[in-house]
N, C-alpha and C. Protein backbone atom coordinates (compact mmCIF):
# COMPACT_ATOMS: atom_id res chain seq x y z
N MET A 1 86.92 63.27 72.76
CA MET A 1 86.80 64.56 73.40
C MET A 1 85.37 65.09 73.31
N ILE A 2 84.76 64.98 72.14
CA ILE A 2 83.38 65.45 71.98
C ILE A 2 82.44 64.65 72.87
N GLN A 3 82.65 63.32 72.93
CA GLN A 3 81.80 62.46 73.77
C GLN A 3 81.90 62.87 75.24
N ARG A 4 83.10 63.22 75.71
CA ARG A 4 83.27 63.65 77.10
C ARG A 4 82.55 64.96 77.36
N LEU A 5 82.64 65.89 76.41
CA LEU A 5 81.96 67.18 76.55
C LEU A 5 80.46 66.99 76.58
N VAL A 6 79.94 66.15 75.69
CA VAL A 6 78.51 65.85 75.67
C VAL A 6 78.09 65.23 77.00
N SER A 7 78.88 64.32 77.53
CA SER A 7 78.55 63.67 78.79
C SER A 7 78.54 64.67 79.94
N LEU A 8 79.50 65.57 79.97
CA LEU A 8 79.56 66.57 81.03
C LEU A 8 78.35 67.49 80.97
N VAL A 9 78.03 67.99 79.79
CA VAL A 9 76.87 68.85 79.63
C VAL A 9 75.60 68.08 80.00
N SER A 10 75.53 66.84 79.59
CA SER A 10 74.36 66.01 79.90
C SER A 10 74.18 65.83 81.39
N LEU A 11 75.26 65.63 82.12
CA LEU A 11 75.16 65.47 83.57
C LEU A 11 74.60 66.73 84.23
N ILE A 12 75.00 67.87 83.72
CA ILE A 12 74.48 69.13 84.26
C ILE A 12 72.98 69.23 83.99
N VAL A 13 72.59 68.89 82.76
CA VAL A 13 71.18 68.94 82.38
C VAL A 13 70.37 67.91 83.16
N LEU A 14 70.95 66.74 83.41
CA LEU A 14 70.23 65.66 84.07
C LEU A 14 69.80 65.99 85.49
N ALA A 15 70.44 66.95 86.09
CA ALA A 15 70.07 67.30 87.46
C ALA A 15 68.58 67.65 87.56
N GLY A 16 68.00 68.15 86.48
CA GLY A 16 66.58 68.51 86.52
C GLY A 16 65.70 67.60 85.68
N CYS A 17 66.18 66.47 85.23
CA CYS A 17 65.42 65.62 84.33
C CYS A 17 65.06 64.29 84.98
N GLY A 18 63.93 63.78 84.59
CA GLY A 18 63.51 62.46 85.05
C GLY A 18 63.05 62.49 86.50
N GLU A 19 61.87 61.99 86.73
CA GLU A 19 61.32 61.96 88.08
C GLU A 19 61.92 60.83 88.89
N PRO A 20 62.12 61.05 90.18
CA PRO A 20 62.54 59.94 91.05
C PRO A 20 61.37 58.99 91.24
N VAL A 21 61.66 57.76 91.52
CA VAL A 21 60.63 56.77 91.78
C VAL A 21 60.55 56.56 93.29
N THR A 22 59.38 56.82 93.84
CA THR A 22 59.17 56.65 95.26
C THR A 22 58.03 55.65 95.49
N SER A 23 58.04 55.01 96.63
CA SER A 23 57.02 54.01 96.93
C SER A 23 55.64 54.62 97.12
N ASP A 24 55.58 55.92 97.38
CA ASP A 24 54.28 56.56 97.61
C ASP A 24 53.81 57.41 96.43
N SER A 25 54.39 57.20 95.26
CA SER A 25 54.04 58.02 94.11
C SER A 25 52.61 57.78 93.63
N GLY A 26 52.09 56.59 93.85
CA GLY A 26 50.74 56.27 93.42
C GLY A 26 50.62 56.05 91.92
N SER A 27 51.71 56.11 91.23
CA SER A 27 51.70 55.95 89.78
C SER A 27 51.78 54.49 89.39
N ARG A 28 50.97 54.11 88.41
CA ARG A 28 51.03 52.76 87.86
C ARG A 28 51.61 52.78 86.45
N ILE A 29 51.94 54.00 85.96
CA ILE A 29 52.44 54.18 84.61
C ILE A 29 53.84 54.77 84.68
N LEU A 30 54.79 54.10 84.03
CA LEU A 30 56.18 54.56 83.96
C LEU A 30 56.49 54.92 82.51
N LEU A 31 57.08 56.08 82.29
CA LEU A 31 57.43 56.53 80.96
C LEU A 31 58.95 56.63 80.84
N LEU A 32 59.52 56.00 79.82
CA LEU A 32 60.96 55.98 79.57
C LEU A 32 61.21 56.46 78.15
N GLY A 33 62.37 57.06 77.92
CA GLY A 33 62.70 57.42 76.54
C GLY A 33 63.62 58.61 76.41
N ASP A 34 63.57 59.18 75.21
CA ASP A 34 64.47 60.27 74.85
C ASP A 34 63.71 61.59 74.73
N SER A 35 64.26 62.52 73.97
CA SER A 35 63.69 63.86 73.88
C SER A 35 62.27 63.88 73.32
N LEU A 36 61.90 62.91 72.48
CA LEU A 36 60.53 62.89 71.99
C LEU A 36 59.54 62.75 73.13
N MET A 37 59.95 62.14 74.20
CA MET A 37 59.11 62.03 75.40
C MET A 37 59.33 63.22 76.34
N ALA A 38 60.57 63.67 76.47
CA ALA A 38 60.93 64.66 77.49
C ALA A 38 60.71 66.11 77.08
N PHE A 39 60.71 66.40 75.78
CA PHE A 39 60.55 67.79 75.35
C PHE A 39 59.26 68.37 75.91
N ASN A 40 59.26 69.61 76.18
CA ASN A 40 58.12 70.38 76.66
C ASN A 40 57.71 70.02 78.08
N ARG A 41 58.57 69.32 78.82
CA ARG A 41 58.27 68.98 80.22
C ARG A 41 58.11 70.25 81.06
N VAL A 42 58.99 71.22 80.85
CA VAL A 42 58.97 72.46 81.64
C VAL A 42 57.64 73.20 81.44
N GLN A 43 57.09 73.14 80.24
CA GLN A 43 55.83 73.81 79.96
C GLN A 43 54.61 72.96 80.35
N GLY A 44 54.86 71.76 80.88
CA GLY A 44 53.76 70.87 81.23
C GLY A 44 53.06 70.28 80.03
N ARG A 45 53.82 70.12 78.92
CA ARG A 45 53.23 69.62 77.69
C ARG A 45 54.00 68.44 77.12
N ALA A 46 54.65 67.67 77.99
CA ALA A 46 55.38 66.48 77.56
C ALA A 46 54.38 65.34 77.33
N VAL A 47 54.86 64.26 76.76
CA VAL A 47 54.01 63.09 76.51
C VAL A 47 53.39 62.61 77.82
N SER A 48 54.17 62.60 78.89
CA SER A 48 53.63 62.16 80.19
C SER A 48 52.47 63.04 80.64
N ASP A 49 52.55 64.33 80.38
CA ASP A 49 51.46 65.24 80.73
C ASP A 49 50.20 64.92 79.93
N ALA A 50 50.36 64.63 78.65
CA ALA A 50 49.22 64.28 77.81
C ALA A 50 48.56 62.98 78.28
N ILE A 51 49.39 62.00 78.67
CA ILE A 51 48.85 60.74 79.19
C ILE A 51 48.10 60.99 80.49
N GLU A 52 48.71 61.77 81.38
CA GLU A 52 48.05 62.08 82.66
C GLU A 52 46.70 62.76 82.43
N ASN A 53 46.68 63.74 81.51
CA ASN A 53 45.44 64.48 81.24
C ASN A 53 44.39 63.60 80.58
N SER A 54 44.80 62.71 79.68
CA SER A 54 43.84 61.84 78.98
C SER A 54 43.27 60.77 79.88
N LEU A 55 44.11 60.17 80.73
CA LEU A 55 43.68 59.04 81.55
C LEU A 55 43.31 59.42 82.98
N ASN A 56 43.63 60.68 83.36
CA ASN A 56 43.44 61.12 84.73
C ASN A 56 44.17 60.19 85.71
N GLU A 57 45.38 59.82 85.32
CA GLU A 57 46.25 58.92 86.09
C GLU A 57 47.62 59.55 86.20
N PRO A 58 48.29 59.45 87.35
CA PRO A 58 49.66 59.97 87.45
C PRO A 58 50.64 59.11 86.64
N VAL A 59 51.62 59.77 86.05
CA VAL A 59 52.66 59.11 85.26
C VAL A 59 54.01 59.49 85.84
N THR A 60 54.86 58.52 86.07
CA THR A 60 56.24 58.78 86.47
C THR A 60 57.07 58.85 85.20
N ASP A 61 57.60 60.02 84.92
CA ASP A 61 58.33 60.29 83.68
C ASP A 61 59.83 60.28 83.95
N ARG A 62 60.54 59.26 83.45
CA ARG A 62 61.99 59.13 83.64
C ARG A 62 62.75 59.47 82.36
N SER A 63 62.06 59.95 81.32
CA SER A 63 62.70 60.22 80.04
C SER A 63 63.74 61.34 80.16
N VAL A 64 64.74 61.29 79.28
CA VAL A 64 65.85 62.25 79.31
C VAL A 64 66.20 62.66 77.88
N ILE A 65 66.33 63.94 77.67
CA ILE A 65 66.75 64.45 76.36
C ILE A 65 68.12 63.90 76.02
N GLY A 66 68.28 63.36 74.81
CA GLY A 66 69.55 62.83 74.35
C GLY A 66 69.80 61.37 74.70
N ALA A 67 68.84 60.71 75.35
CA ALA A 67 69.04 59.32 75.77
C ALA A 67 69.11 58.38 74.58
N ARG A 68 69.83 57.26 74.78
CA ARG A 68 70.02 56.26 73.72
C ARG A 68 69.93 54.86 74.32
N PHE A 69 69.72 53.89 73.45
CA PHE A 69 69.76 52.49 73.87
C PHE A 69 71.20 51.98 73.89
N LEU A 70 71.99 52.38 72.91
CA LEU A 70 73.39 51.95 72.82
C LEU A 70 74.25 53.03 73.48
N TYR A 71 74.47 52.89 74.77
CA TYR A 71 75.18 53.91 75.54
C TYR A 71 76.10 53.22 76.52
N ALA A 72 77.39 53.48 76.42
CA ALA A 72 78.39 52.72 77.17
C ALA A 72 78.90 53.41 78.44
N LEU A 73 78.76 54.72 78.55
CA LEU A 73 79.34 55.41 79.71
C LEU A 73 78.52 55.12 80.96
N PRO A 74 79.17 54.66 82.04
CA PRO A 74 78.43 54.16 83.20
C PRO A 74 77.72 55.24 84.04
N ILE A 75 78.36 56.35 84.32
CA ILE A 75 77.77 57.32 85.26
C ILE A 75 76.60 58.05 84.61
N SER A 76 76.85 58.67 83.45
CA SER A 76 75.75 59.38 82.80
C SER A 76 74.71 58.40 82.26
N GLY A 77 75.13 57.17 81.96
CA GLY A 77 74.17 56.14 81.55
C GLY A 77 73.23 55.80 82.68
N SER A 78 73.76 55.65 83.88
CA SER A 78 72.94 55.35 85.05
C SER A 78 72.04 56.52 85.42
N ALA A 79 72.45 57.72 85.03
CA ALA A 79 71.65 58.91 85.32
C ALA A 79 70.53 59.12 84.31
N GLY A 80 70.42 58.24 83.32
CA GLY A 80 69.29 58.31 82.41
C GLY A 80 69.61 58.42 80.94
N LEU A 81 70.88 58.67 80.58
CA LEU A 81 71.20 58.76 79.16
C LEU A 81 71.17 57.40 78.47
N ASN A 82 71.20 56.32 79.25
CA ASN A 82 70.98 54.98 78.72
C ASN A 82 69.52 54.65 79.05
N ILE A 83 68.69 54.51 78.02
CA ILE A 83 67.25 54.31 78.24
C ILE A 83 66.98 53.10 79.13
N THR A 84 67.75 52.05 78.98
CA THR A 84 67.51 50.85 79.81
C THR A 84 67.80 51.12 81.29
N LYS A 85 68.62 52.11 81.58
CA LYS A 85 68.94 52.45 82.98
C LYS A 85 67.91 53.40 83.59
N GLN A 86 66.98 53.92 82.79
CA GLN A 86 65.93 54.78 83.32
C GLN A 86 64.92 53.99 84.14
N TYR A 87 64.82 52.70 83.89
CA TYR A 87 63.85 51.86 84.59
C TYR A 87 64.18 51.78 86.08
N ARG A 88 63.15 51.89 86.88
CA ARG A 88 63.25 51.66 88.31
C ARG A 88 62.14 50.69 88.68
N GLN A 89 62.47 49.76 89.56
CA GLN A 89 61.50 48.76 89.98
C GLN A 89 60.30 49.43 90.64
N GLY A 90 59.14 48.91 90.33
CA GLY A 90 57.91 49.43 90.91
C GLY A 90 56.74 48.54 90.50
N ASP A 91 55.58 48.87 90.98
CA ASP A 91 54.37 48.11 90.66
C ASP A 91 53.72 48.74 89.43
N TRP A 92 54.43 48.67 88.29
CA TRP A 92 53.98 49.33 87.07
C TRP A 92 52.96 48.46 86.34
N GLU A 93 51.84 49.06 86.00
CA GLU A 93 50.86 48.37 85.18
C GLU A 93 51.20 48.58 83.70
N TRP A 94 51.70 49.76 83.39
CA TRP A 94 52.11 50.10 82.03
C TRP A 94 53.50 50.71 82.05
N VAL A 95 54.32 50.33 81.05
CA VAL A 95 55.59 51.00 80.80
C VAL A 95 55.51 51.51 79.37
N VAL A 96 55.56 52.83 79.22
CA VAL A 96 55.49 53.49 77.92
C VAL A 96 56.91 53.91 77.58
N MET A 97 57.37 53.56 76.38
CA MET A 97 58.76 53.92 76.04
C MET A 97 58.93 54.21 74.56
N ASN A 98 59.99 54.91 74.26
CA ASN A 98 60.43 55.12 72.89
C ASN A 98 61.95 55.15 72.92
N GLY A 99 62.55 55.32 71.79
CA GLY A 99 63.99 55.47 71.72
C GLY A 99 64.57 54.89 70.45
N GLY A 100 65.83 55.15 70.25
CA GLY A 100 66.54 54.67 69.08
C GLY A 100 66.94 55.78 68.12
N GLY A 101 66.22 56.88 68.15
CA GLY A 101 66.53 57.99 67.24
C GLY A 101 67.92 58.56 67.47
N ASN A 102 68.29 58.78 68.72
CA ASN A 102 69.62 59.33 69.01
C ASN A 102 70.71 58.32 68.70
N ASP A 103 70.40 57.03 68.80
CA ASP A 103 71.38 56.00 68.46
C ASP A 103 71.76 56.08 66.98
N ILE A 104 70.80 56.38 66.17
CA ILE A 104 71.05 56.46 64.73
C ILE A 104 71.60 57.83 64.36
N TRP A 105 70.96 58.88 64.86
CA TRP A 105 71.33 60.23 64.48
C TRP A 105 72.71 60.62 64.99
N MET A 106 73.00 60.36 66.26
CA MET A 106 74.26 60.79 66.84
C MET A 106 75.27 59.65 66.96
N GLY A 107 74.86 58.44 66.68
CA GLY A 107 75.67 57.27 66.94
C GLY A 107 76.99 57.21 66.21
N CYS A 108 76.96 57.05 64.91
CA CYS A 108 78.22 56.83 64.19
C CYS A 108 78.58 58.01 63.30
N LEU A 109 77.79 59.05 63.31
CA LEU A 109 78.01 60.28 62.55
C LEU A 109 78.06 60.06 61.03
N CYS A 110 77.59 58.92 60.56
CA CYS A 110 77.56 58.69 59.10
C CYS A 110 76.12 58.46 58.63
N GLY A 111 75.15 58.72 59.48
CA GLY A 111 73.76 58.49 59.11
C GLY A 111 73.30 57.13 59.60
N PRO A 112 72.10 56.74 59.18
CA PRO A 112 71.53 55.49 59.67
C PRO A 112 72.19 54.26 59.04
N CYS A 113 73.21 53.75 59.68
CA CYS A 113 73.92 52.59 59.14
C CYS A 113 73.23 51.28 59.54
N LYS A 114 73.32 50.32 58.67
CA LYS A 114 72.64 49.04 58.86
C LYS A 114 73.12 48.30 60.12
N HIS A 115 74.42 48.34 60.41
CA HIS A 115 74.95 47.64 61.58
C HIS A 115 74.35 48.19 62.87
N ARG A 116 74.29 49.49 63.00
CA ARG A 116 73.76 50.10 64.21
C ARG A 116 72.27 49.78 64.36
N ILE A 117 71.53 49.86 63.28
CA ILE A 117 70.11 49.54 63.33
C ILE A 117 69.90 48.09 63.72
N SER A 118 70.71 47.19 63.16
CA SER A 118 70.54 45.77 63.50
C SER A 118 70.91 45.48 64.95
N ARG A 119 71.78 46.29 65.55
CA ARG A 119 72.06 46.15 66.98
C ARG A 119 70.86 46.59 67.80
N LEU A 120 70.12 47.55 67.30
CA LEU A 120 68.92 48.02 67.99
C LEU A 120 67.78 47.03 67.83
N ILE A 121 67.55 46.59 66.58
CA ILE A 121 66.44 45.68 66.31
C ILE A 121 66.71 44.93 65.01
N SER A 122 66.56 43.62 65.04
CA SER A 122 66.79 42.79 63.85
C SER A 122 65.67 42.99 62.84
N GLU A 123 65.90 42.56 61.62
CA GLU A 123 64.88 42.70 60.57
C GLU A 123 63.58 42.02 60.95
N ASP A 124 63.65 40.89 61.65
CA ASP A 124 62.42 40.19 62.04
C ASP A 124 61.83 40.74 63.34
N GLY A 125 62.48 41.72 63.97
CA GLY A 125 61.97 42.35 65.17
C GLY A 125 62.09 41.54 66.44
N LYS A 126 62.81 40.43 66.39
CA LYS A 126 62.88 39.53 67.55
C LYS A 126 64.16 39.67 68.36
N ARG A 127 65.20 40.25 67.79
CA ARG A 127 66.48 40.37 68.48
C ARG A 127 66.96 41.81 68.46
N GLY A 128 67.84 42.10 69.38
CA GLY A 128 68.40 43.44 69.46
C GLY A 128 68.10 44.08 70.80
N ARG A 129 68.71 45.24 71.02
CA ARG A 129 68.58 45.93 72.31
C ARG A 129 67.13 46.31 72.62
N ILE A 130 66.40 46.79 71.61
CA ILE A 130 65.02 47.23 71.87
C ILE A 130 64.09 46.05 72.18
N PRO A 131 64.03 45.00 71.34
CA PRO A 131 63.16 43.87 71.70
C PRO A 131 63.57 43.21 73.02
N GLY A 132 64.87 43.17 73.30
CA GLY A 132 65.33 42.60 74.56
C GLY A 132 64.82 43.39 75.75
N PHE A 133 64.86 44.71 75.64
CA PHE A 133 64.39 45.56 76.73
C PHE A 133 62.87 45.46 76.89
N VAL A 134 62.15 45.45 75.77
CA VAL A 134 60.69 45.29 75.83
C VAL A 134 60.35 43.97 76.51
N SER A 135 61.06 42.91 76.16
CA SER A 135 60.83 41.60 76.77
C SER A 135 61.07 41.65 78.27
N ARG A 136 62.15 42.33 78.67
CA ARG A 136 62.46 42.47 80.09
C ARG A 136 61.35 43.22 80.83
N MET A 137 60.81 44.26 80.21
CA MET A 137 59.73 45.01 80.83
C MET A 137 58.47 44.16 80.94
N ARG A 138 58.19 43.35 79.94
CA ARG A 138 57.02 42.47 79.97
C ARG A 138 57.15 41.43 81.10
N GLN A 139 58.36 40.99 81.36
CA GLN A 139 58.59 40.00 82.42
C GLN A 139 58.33 40.57 83.81
N THR A 140 58.27 41.89 83.94
CA THR A 140 57.97 42.51 85.23
C THR A 140 56.49 42.44 85.55
N GLY A 141 55.68 42.07 84.55
CA GLY A 141 54.24 42.03 84.74
C GLY A 141 53.53 43.25 84.17
N ALA A 142 54.30 44.22 83.72
CA ALA A 142 53.69 45.43 83.12
C ALA A 142 53.11 45.08 81.76
């Protein structure tokens, strides 16, 4: 029941989150992630804004508050609550991303459990959802 309520509220919030990807955006930088990336977007002080200001380059920001790597619901996941679903094909030179905090914090409600962390990333850093996604992004040429 709580998960459904969170998903419903998230869908309402998502209506204003994450930029669409268009062929004429001119952006070579894609930003994906959770609230650490998306916070302060309304004030123009999100991570994407800092990157744009530092590099004088446009950034397409697809980050969403509350997003996770381990996210099973299809509709709200496709709308950005699943970090891997935030990706949109494009001619990206750089893909900047973060995530995993919500997976641990909100995931199993018992704190940072070893099983959940190992699903995100193995001790050697070579396996798991995060290294797999990074590898997939690297295969795009970014």
